[in-house]
Amino acid sequence: MATRIRLRRVGRKGQAYFRIVVADQRFPRDGRFVATIGHYNPRSTPATIHVNAEQARAWLEKGAQPTDTVRSLLRKAGVLAKRPA
């Protein structure tokens, strides 16, 4: 099972926020998932990011691949190391 760490859209039309979930890459965006490890609200000022760092690192060690967007969110949350300058 190839797992991905990705965003799952929730909320009303026009007022979306996202959950950061671990899911099989074959499942649809808002479909079945394995675990929820955080959430992201882009509509708040500033945008809020809450991630369970221990769970995120554990899934990364197990081989879960984050999407590009989630990778940048994990860097902002301090879970992944920032790129060297």
Protein backbone atom coordinates (compact mmCIF):
# COMPACT_ATOMS: atom_id res chain seq x y z
CA MET A 1 0.00 0.00 0.00
CA ALA A 2 1.61 3.27 -1.15
CA THR A 3 0.54 5.93 1.31
CA ARG A 4 0.42 9.67 0.85
CA ILE A 5 0.15 12.50 3.34
CA ARG A 6 -2.29 14.91 1.73
CA LEU A 7 -5.05 17.42 2.28
CA ARG A 8 -8.69 16.44 2.65
CA ARG A 9 -11.17 19.25 1.97
CA VAL A 10 -13.92 19.88 4.53
CA GLY A 11 -16.23 22.79 5.24
CA ARG A 12 -18.99 24.56 3.39
CA LYS A 13 -18.91 25.76 -0.19
CA GLY A 14 -16.62 28.79 -0.36
CA GLN A 15 -15.43 28.29 3.23
CA ALA A 16 -13.05 25.39 2.92
CA TYR A 17 -10.51 24.23 5.43
CA PHE A 18 -8.42 21.11 5.22
CA ARG A 19 -7.47 18.09 7.29
CA ILE A 20 -3.99 16.64 6.86
CA VAL A 21 -4.52 12.90 6.43
CA VAL A 22 -2.61 9.76 5.55
CA ALA A 23 -4.36 7.88 2.73
CA ASP A 24 -3.69 5.25 0.12
CA GLN A 25 -2.79 7.08 -3.08
CA ARG A 26 -5.48 5.20 -5.04
CA PHE A 27 -8.36 6.63 -3.00
CA PRO A 28 -10.11 9.89 -3.97
CA ARG A 29 -9.22 13.21 -2.33
CA ASP A 30 -12.11 13.20 0.14
CA GLY A 31 -12.44 9.41 0.31
CA ARG A 32 -11.20 6.81 2.73
CA PHE A 33 -8.12 7.58 4.81
CA VAL A 34 -5.92 5.83 7.36
CA ALA A 35 -5.20 8.57 9.93
CA THR A 36 -5.72 12.28 10.56
CA ILE A 37 -2.53 14.01 11.69
CA GLY A 38 -3.54 17.68 11.65
CA HIS A 39 -5.54 20.46 10.06
CA TYR A 40 -4.97 23.61 8.02
CA ASN A 41 -7.19 26.68 7.77
CA PRO A 42 -6.06 29.03 4.98
CA ARG A 43 -8.97 31.42 5.56
CA SER A 44 -7.84 32.67 8.97
CA THR A 45 -5.41 35.57 9.25
CA PRO A 46 -2.70 34.37 9.48
CA ALA A 47 -3.39 30.86 8.19
CA THR A 48 -3.42 28.27 10.98
CA ILE A 49 -1.54 24.98 10.78
CA HIS A 50 -1.81 22.33 13.52
CA VAL A 51 0.14 19.11 13.02
CA ASN A 52 0.82 16.23 15.40
CA ALA A 53 4.59 16.17 14.79
CA GLU A 54 5.15 12.72 16.34
CA GLN A 55 2.54 11.08 14.13
CA ALA A 56 3.77 12.91 11.03
CA ARG A 57 7.38 11.80 11.62
CA ALA A 58 6.24 8.23 12.30
CA TRP A 59 4.35 8.08 8.99
CA LEU A 60 7.28 9.62 7.13
CA GLU A 61 9.58 6.96 8.62
CA LYS A 62 7.14 4.27 7.45
CA GLY A 63 7.50 5.58 3.89
CA ALA A 64 4.48 7.86 3.45
CA GLN A 65 5.18 10.52 0.81
CA PRO A 66 3.78 14.03 1.39
CA THR A 67 2.30 15.97 -1.50
CA ASP A 68 4.03 19.22 -2.47
CA THR A 69 1.52 21.34 -0.57
CA VAL A 70 1.69 19.22 2.56
CA ARG A 71 5.49 19.20 2.38
CA SER A 72 5.52 23.01 2.52
CA LEU A 73 2.99 23.00 5.39
CA LEU A 74 5.11 20.50 7.34
CA ARG A 75 8.15 22.75 6.86
CA LYS A 76 6.20 25.76 8.15
CA ALA A 77 5.03 23.72 11.14
CA GLY A 78 8.62 22.66 11.89
CA VAL A 79 8.14 18.94 11.29
CA LEU A 80 10.48 18.81 8.27
CA ALA A 81 13.84 20.54 8.15
CA LYS A 82 13.92 23.72 6.12
CA ARG A 83 16.05 23.77 3.00
CA PRO A 84 19.60 25.03 3.49
CA ALA A 85 20.13 28.53 2.13
